[in-house]
Amino acid sequence: MSVPLSILDLATVGKKETPRDALDTSVAIAQLAETQGYRRVWYAEHHNIRAIASSATSVVIAHVAAHTSSIRLGSGGIMLPNHAPIVIAEQFGTLATLHPGRIDLGIGRAPGTDQTTMRALRRDPRSAEDFPRDVLELQGYLRGETRVPGVNATPGAGTNVPLYILGSSLFGAQLAALLGLPYAFASHFAPASLHDAIAIYRARFQASEQLDHPYVIAGANVLVADTAEDAQRSFEAVRRARVGIIVGRDRSYTDEEADAVLASPQGRYVDQMLQYSAVGTSDVVRQYLDTFANETGADELMVVHAVPNAQARLRSVELLPGLRA
């Protein structure tokens, strides 16, 4: 690979697994990624989804950081409208104080959940409109240049935790360009605007104190197995699992029921989400990721090991270093 590889770990809770099992696997993945030369591992804030155990994202980062020694860890992302900027500055300032030089803060403006859970989070749907202002407020706390007189983040001030704007639309690209921040596009589940967003970001980028040139991270699903047959079987399990998460909102489907949904218009939406997926043996996935990196011009690829089984997911991570020259 000509660009660095990183991992987005969703702390997936597989069938017959518990959240503790998922978090133990997350530690094992980060430890393996550290020895195999990955650049970073990020965790996503999702709420009220049975199959994802990374809802308390900063806590997960702290736990994994305590069990690793050098790999960068961060959020991919924190949904900033769910939180007061001062709280996130304190959380990530604490992480950076405990683990200096290892913490990233990726932020997005989506809720990371459904409307009912938004109400449980006490989130005002209009809070997304304040996202640009909240980003600047958060940045000020971390730099020790507060925008709120008399209010400082402790820990946090002066840690300069690097910010990354996450997005799946043109809005995030425009904001990242305006603020001179790195931009990560969620093409692993929202592929439609990938190329347009990257083009806008690069064309409008303005240098900043953090970054003097555009930096793009593109997401892709990967599933690497010892044989093509094993990889394809696992990918079919991934498609069926997505039916339960996306279409059924955590409803349990039999394989036959999931296959019926996948054959319907709703199912085609699931496959559209998985458009950028590399499935197969090392050679096949290597070729796919090389092409994907060249077509997007990405500076880094953030891969999701989209395998519902913990051991198979670890094996996929283990095989992926063969993709990096």
Protein backbone atom coordinates (compact mmCIF):
# COMPACT_ATOMS: atom_id res chain seq x y z
CA MET A 1 0.00 0.00 0.00
CA SER A 2 1.19 3.48 -0.83
CA VAL A 3 -0.84 5.17 1.94
CA PRO A 4 -1.07 4.45 5.69
CA LEU A 5 -3.75 2.13 6.98
CA SER A 6 -5.79 2.71 10.13
CA ILE A 7 -8.72 0.92 11.73
CA LEU A 8 -12.21 2.06 12.67
CA ASP A 9 -13.30 -0.39 15.36
CA LEU A 10 -17.05 -0.46 16.03
CA ALA A 11 -16.60 -2.77 19.06
CA THR A 12 -18.99 -5.17 17.35
CA VAL A 13 -21.08 -7.40 19.62
CA GLY A 14 -21.55 -10.61 17.64
CA LYS A 15 -24.25 -13.23 18.06
CA LYS A 16 -23.92 -15.04 21.40
CA GLU A 17 -21.40 -12.38 22.53
CA THR A 18 -21.65 -9.82 25.31
CA PRO A 19 -20.47 -6.19 25.32
CA ARG A 20 -17.55 -7.34 27.51
CA ASP A 21 -16.57 -9.84 24.81
CA ALA A 22 -16.64 -7.02 22.25
CA LEU A 23 -14.50 -4.72 24.36
CA ASP A 24 -11.99 -7.49 25.05
CA THR A 25 -11.77 -8.02 21.29
CA SER A 26 -11.22 -4.28 20.80
CA VAL A 27 -8.21 -4.44 23.10
CA ALA A 28 -6.85 -7.44 21.19
CA ILE A 29 -7.37 -5.68 17.85
CA ALA A 30 -5.52 -2.56 19.01
CA GLN A 31 -2.66 -4.63 20.41
CA LEU A 32 -2.38 -6.52 17.13
CA ALA A 33 -2.65 -3.32 15.09
CA GLU A 34 0.15 -1.79 17.18
CA THR A 35 2.54 -4.64 16.41
CA GLN A 36 1.59 -4.72 12.73
CA GLY A 37 2.26 -1.06 11.97
CA TYR A 38 -1.19 0.50 11.68
CA ARG A 39 -1.22 4.28 12.15
CA ARG A 40 -4.26 4.60 14.46
CA VAL A 41 -7.44 2.97 15.76
CA TRP A 42 -10.62 5.00 16.14
CA TYR A 43 -13.92 4.24 17.90
CA ALA A 44 -17.36 5.59 17.00
CA GLU A 45 -20.09 7.08 19.18
CA HIS A 46 -23.30 5.17 18.49
CA HIS A 47 -26.23 4.87 20.90
CA ASN A 48 -28.99 2.29 21.41
CA ILE A 49 -27.55 -0.24 18.95
CA ARG A 50 -27.20 -3.69 20.49
CA ALA A 51 -24.41 -4.72 18.12
CA ILE A 52 -22.09 -1.76 18.88
CA ALA A 53 -20.37 -1.37 22.27
CA SER A 54 -18.48 1.91 21.75
CA SER A 55 -21.18 4.32 22.94
CA ALA A 56 -19.03 5.66 25.82
CA THR A 57 -16.29 6.45 23.34
CA SER A 58 -13.80 8.28 25.56
CA VAL A 59 -14.04 5.49 28.15
CA VAL A 60 -13.29 2.88 25.49
CA ILE A 61 -10.28 4.90 24.31
CA ALA A 62 -8.97 5.14 27.88
CA HIS A 63 -9.33 1.40 28.40
CA VAL A 64 -7.58 0.49 25.15
CA ALA A 65 -4.85 3.08 25.72
CA ALA A 66 -4.08 1.49 29.10
CA HIS A 67 -3.50 -1.84 27.33
CA THR A 68 -1.34 -0.52 24.47
CA SER A 69 1.80 1.58 24.39
CA SER A 70 2.33 3.46 21.13
CA ILE A 71 -0.50 3.32 18.59
CA ARG A 72 -2.64 6.46 18.19
CA LEU A 73 -6.21 6.14 19.44
CA GLY A 74 -9.19 8.39 18.96
CA SER A 75 -12.80 8.97 18.10
CA GLY A 76 -14.28 8.37 14.71
CA GLY A 77 -16.17 10.15 15.88
CA ILE A 78 -17.58 12.00 18.82
CA MET A 79 -20.97 13.42 17.81
CA LEU A 80 -20.33 16.91 19.14
CA PRO A 81 -23.95 18.18 19.20
CA ASN A 82 -24.64 15.45 21.81
CA HIS A 83 -22.22 17.14 24.24
CA ALA A 84 -21.07 20.45 25.62
CA PRO A 85 -17.69 21.32 24.04
CA ILE A 86 -16.15 21.91 27.47
CA VAL A 87 -16.97 18.31 28.50
CA ILE A 88 -15.34 16.84 25.41
CA ALA A 89 -12.30 19.11 25.89
CA GLU A 90 -11.95 17.84 29.46
CA GLN A 91 -12.39 14.20 28.46
CA PHE A 92 -9.89 14.28 25.61
CA GLY A 93 -7.61 16.62 27.49
CA THR A 94 -7.50 14.00 30.23
CA LEU A 95 -6.77 11.27 27.69
CA ALA A 96 -3.98 13.35 26.14
CA THR A 97 -2.51 14.10 29.56
CA LEU A 98 -2.43 10.41 30.45
CA HIS A 99 -1.29 9.27 26.99
CA PRO A 100 0.61 12.18 25.41
CA GLY A 101 1.07 12.16 21.65
CA ARG A 102 -1.39 9.31 21.13
CA ILE A 103 -4.89 10.84 21.13
CA ASP A 104 -7.00 12.05 18.16
CA LEU A 105 -10.38 13.76 18.31
CA GLY A 106 -12.59 13.11 15.30
CA ILE A 107 -15.89 14.97 15.51
CA GLY A 108 -19.15 14.87 13.58
CA ARG A 109 -22.53 16.55 13.74
CA ALA A 110 -24.87 13.56 13.28
CA PRO A 111 -26.75 12.17 16.30
CA GLY A 112 -25.30 8.67 15.99
CA THR A 113 -28.73 7.24 16.74
CA ASP A 114 -32.49 7.50 16.10
CA GLN A 115 -34.86 10.32 17.05
CA THR A 116 -36.25 8.55 20.13
CA THR A 117 -32.75 8.06 21.52
CA MET A 118 -31.94 11.67 20.69
CA ARG A 119 -34.66 12.66 23.14
CA ALA A 120 -33.19 10.31 25.73
CA LEU A 121 -29.84 12.08 25.20
CA ARG A 122 -31.64 15.38 25.89
CA ARG A 123 -30.45 16.55 22.50
CA ASP A 124 -32.22 19.38 20.71
CA PRO A 125 -32.43 18.46 17.00
CA ARG A 126 -31.51 22.07 16.19
CA SER A 127 -28.17 21.72 18.00
CA ALA A 128 -26.53 20.50 14.78
CA GLU A 129 -26.89 24.06 13.48
CA ASP A 130 -24.33 25.16 16.10
CA PHE A 131 -21.75 22.58 15.02
CA PRO A 132 -19.25 25.03 13.41
CA ARG A 133 -19.36 27.30 16.47
CA ASP A 134 -19.01 24.31 18.81
CA VAL A 135 -15.96 23.09 16.89
CA LEU A 136 -14.26 26.47 17.35
CA GLU A 137 -15.19 26.54 21.03
CA LEU A 138 -13.76 23.04 21.50
CA GLN A 139 -10.59 23.96 19.63
CA GLY A 140 -10.14 27.01 21.82
CA TYR A 141 -10.33 24.97 25.02
CA LEU A 142 -7.72 22.49 23.77
CA ARG A 143 -5.36 25.24 22.67
CA GLY A 144 -5.68 27.13 25.92
CA GLU A 145 -7.29 30.01 24.04
CA THR A 146 -10.81 29.84 25.43
CA ARG A 147 -13.61 31.56 23.54
CA VAL A 148 -15.73 31.64 26.71
CA PRO A 149 -14.27 34.22 29.12
CA GLY A 150 -13.35 32.71 32.44
CA VAL A 151 -13.95 29.09 31.34
CA ASN A 152 -11.00 26.76 30.76
CA ALA A 153 -10.62 23.01 30.29
CA THR A 154 -8.60 21.31 33.03
CA PRO A 155 -7.13 18.97 31.89
CA GLY A 156 -7.27 20.07 28.28
CA ALA A 157 -5.86 23.56 27.93
CA GLY A 158 -2.63 23.44 25.98
CA THR A 159 -2.87 19.77 25.03
CA ASN A 160 -3.63 20.70 21.40
CA VAL A 161 -5.36 17.40 20.73
CA PRO A 162 -5.61 17.28 16.91
CA LEU A 163 -9.11 17.68 15.52
CA TYR A 164 -10.51 15.83 12.51
CA ILE A 165 -13.82 16.67 10.83
CA LEU A 166 -15.87 13.59 9.98
CA GLY A 167 -18.61 13.66 7.40
CA SER A 168 -20.72 11.86 4.86
CA SER A 169 -21.93 14.93 2.96
CA LEU A 170 -20.59 18.11 1.40
CA PHE A 171 -21.17 20.13 4.59
CA GLY A 172 -18.34 18.47 6.49
CA ALA A 173 -15.99 18.90 3.53
CA GLN A 174 -16.71 22.61 3.36
CA LEU A 175 -16.26 23.11 7.10
CA ALA A 176 -13.01 21.12 7.25
CA ALA A 177 -11.65 23.16 4.34
CA LEU A 178 -12.65 26.47 5.91
CA LEU A 179 -11.09 25.59 9.28
CA GLY A 180 -7.98 23.98 7.79
CA LEU A 181 -8.57 20.62 9.47
CA PRO A 182 -8.10 17.04 8.24
CA TYR A 183 -11.21 15.52 6.72
CA ALA A 184 -12.40 11.92 7.12
CA PHE A 185 -15.22 10.75 4.84
CA ALA A 186 -17.47 7.93 6.04
CA SER A 187 -17.48 6.07 2.74
CA HIS A 188 -17.59 2.75 4.57
CA PHE A 189 -21.34 3.28 5.06
CA ALA A 190 -22.32 6.46 3.15
CA PRO A 191 -20.50 6.30 -0.18
CA ALA A 192 -22.65 8.52 -2.40
CA SER A 193 -20.84 11.88 -2.06
CA LEU A 194 -17.29 10.62 -1.57
CA HIS A 195 -15.64 12.01 -4.69
CA ASP A 196 -17.55 15.31 -4.69
CA ALA A 197 -16.76 15.90 -1.01
CA ILE A 198 -13.04 15.27 -1.49
CA ALA A 199 -12.92 17.56 -4.52
CA ILE A 200 -14.63 20.40 -2.62
CA TYR A 201 -12.38 19.92 0.41
CA ARG A 202 -9.17 20.06 -1.62
CA ALA A 203 -10.32 23.00 -3.75
CA ARG A 204 -11.40 25.16 -0.80
CA PHE A 205 -8.80 24.21 1.80
CA GLN A 206 -7.30 27.07 3.81
CA ALA A 207 -4.10 26.45 5.75
CA SER A 208 -4.35 26.63 9.55
CA GLU A 209 -2.18 26.39 12.64
CA GLN A 210 -2.87 22.64 12.77
CA LEU A 211 -2.49 21.81 9.07
CA ASP A 212 -0.84 23.52 6.10
CA HIS A 213 -2.17 21.25 3.34
CA PRO A 214 -5.30 19.13 2.76
CA TYR A 215 -5.37 15.71 4.39
CA VAL A 216 -8.05 13.19 3.41
CA ILE A 217 -8.96 9.95 5.17
CA ALA A 218 -11.34 7.66 3.26
CA GLY A 219 -13.25 4.77 4.82
CA ALA A 220 -13.61 1.28 3.37
CA ASN A 221 -14.89 -2.06 4.61
CA VAL A 222 -12.38 -4.89 4.47
CA LEU A 223 -12.79 -8.59 5.03
CA VAL A 224 -9.62 -10.63 4.56
CA ALA A 225 -9.66 -14.40 4.98
CA ASP A 226 -7.42 -17.34 4.16
CA THR A 227 -9.64 -18.38 1.25
CA ALA A 228 -12.00 -16.55 -1.06
CA GLU A 229 -14.81 -18.89 0.03
CA ASP A 230 -14.31 -18.07 3.71
CA ALA A 231 -14.28 -14.36 2.93
CA GLN A 232 -17.48 -14.53 0.91
CA ARG A 233 -19.29 -16.54 3.60
CA SER A 234 -18.29 -13.97 6.18
CA PHE A 235 -19.42 -11.13 3.93
CA GLU A 236 -22.84 -12.72 3.57
CA ALA A 237 -23.03 -12.80 7.37
CA VAL A 238 -22.13 -9.10 7.41
CA ARG A 239 -24.91 -8.28 4.93
CA ARG A 240 -27.42 -10.19 7.05
CA ALA A 241 -26.26 -8.48 10.23
CA ARG A 242 -26.67 -5.06 8.57
CA VAL A 243 -30.31 -5.92 7.87
CA GLY A 244 -30.94 -6.24 11.60
CA ILE A 245 -29.12 -2.99 12.42
CA ILE A 246 -30.25 -0.77 9.54
CA VAL A 247 -33.65 -2.10 8.51
CA GLY A 248 -34.88 -3.81 11.66
CA ARG A 249 -33.39 -1.53 14.31
CA ASP A 250 -31.84 -4.47 16.17
CA ARG A 251 -34.63 -6.92 15.38
CA SER A 252 -33.39 -10.51 15.18
CA TYR A 253 -33.74 -12.07 11.70
CA THR A 254 -33.22 -15.64 10.61
CA ASP A 255 -30.87 -16.08 7.64
CA GLU A 256 -33.85 -16.77 5.40
CA GLU A 257 -35.68 -13.63 6.58
CA ALA A 258 -32.55 -11.49 6.14
CA ASP A 259 -32.00 -12.86 2.63
CA ALA A 260 -35.60 -11.98 1.75
CA VAL A 261 -35.06 -8.42 2.94
CA LEU A 262 -31.78 -8.19 1.00
CA ALA A 263 -33.66 -9.14 -2.17
CA SER A 264 -36.12 -6.27 -1.61
CA PRO A 265 -35.68 -2.51 -2.26
CA GLN A 266 -34.75 -2.07 1.41
CA GLY A 267 -32.04 -4.64 0.98
CA ARG A 268 -30.57 -2.80 -1.97
CA TYR A 269 -30.00 0.12 0.38
CA VAL A 270 -27.89 -2.15 2.59
CA ASP A 271 -25.75 -3.13 -0.40
CA GLN A 272 -25.39 0.51 -1.44
CA MET A 273 -23.98 1.25 2.01
CA LEU A 274 -21.41 -1.50 1.47
CA GLN A 275 -20.33 -0.19 -1.95
CA TYR A 276 -16.72 0.29 -0.89
CA SER A 277 -15.91 -3.17 0.44
CA ALA A 278 -12.79 -5.25 -0.18
CA VAL A 279 -13.55 -8.94 0.28
CA GLY A 280 -11.26 -11.90 -0.34
CA THR A 281 -7.73 -13.11 0.14
CA SER A 282 -4.77 -10.80 0.67
CA ASP A 283 -3.98 -10.38 -3.02
CA VAL A 284 -7.56 -9.49 -3.95
CA VAL A 285 -7.96 -7.00 -1.12
CA ARG A 286 -4.54 -5.48 -1.84
CA GLN A 287 -5.54 -4.76 -5.42
CA TYR A 288 -8.88 -3.27 -4.33
CA LEU A 289 -7.38 -0.94 -1.74
CA ASP A 290 -4.62 0.20 -4.10
CA THR A 291 -7.25 1.10 -6.69
CA PHE A 292 -9.47 2.79 -4.08
CA ALA A 293 -6.56 4.90 -2.79
CA ASN A 294 -5.57 5.93 -6.31
CA GLU A 295 -9.14 6.82 -7.35
CA THR A 296 -9.81 8.94 -4.25
CA GLY A 297 -6.32 10.39 -3.81
CA ALA A 298 -6.72 9.68 -0.10
CA ASP A 299 -3.77 10.35 2.17
CA GLU A 300 -4.85 7.55 4.52
CA LEU A 301 -7.37 4.71 4.50
CA MET A 302 -9.52 3.99 7.55
CA VAL A 303 -10.62 0.38 7.24
CA VAL A 304 -13.46 -1.36 9.02
CA HIS A 305 -12.90 -5.09 9.52
CA ALA A 306 -16.53 -5.91 8.82
CA VAL A 307 -16.57 -9.38 10.33
CA PRO A 308 -19.24 -10.27 12.92
CA ASN A 309 -17.18 -13.08 14.49
CA ALA A 310 -14.41 -11.97 16.86
CA GLN A 311 -11.83 -14.57 15.87
CA ALA A 312 -12.42 -14.01 12.17
CA ARG A 313 -12.12 -10.26 12.73
CA LEU A 314 -8.76 -10.71 14.42
CA ARG A 315 -7.65 -12.96 11.58
CA SER A 316 -8.66 -10.28 9.08
CA VAL A 317 -6.54 -7.74 10.97
CA GLU A 318 -3.66 -10.20 11.09
CA LEU A 319 -3.75 -10.77 7.34
CA LEU A 320 -4.02 -7.08 6.45
CA PRO A 321 -0.35 -6.17 7.05
CA GLY A 322 0.36 -8.11 3.89
CA LEU A 323 -1.39 -5.24 2.13
CA ARG A 324 1.21 -2.69 3.22
CA ALA A 325 4.46 -2.49 1.33
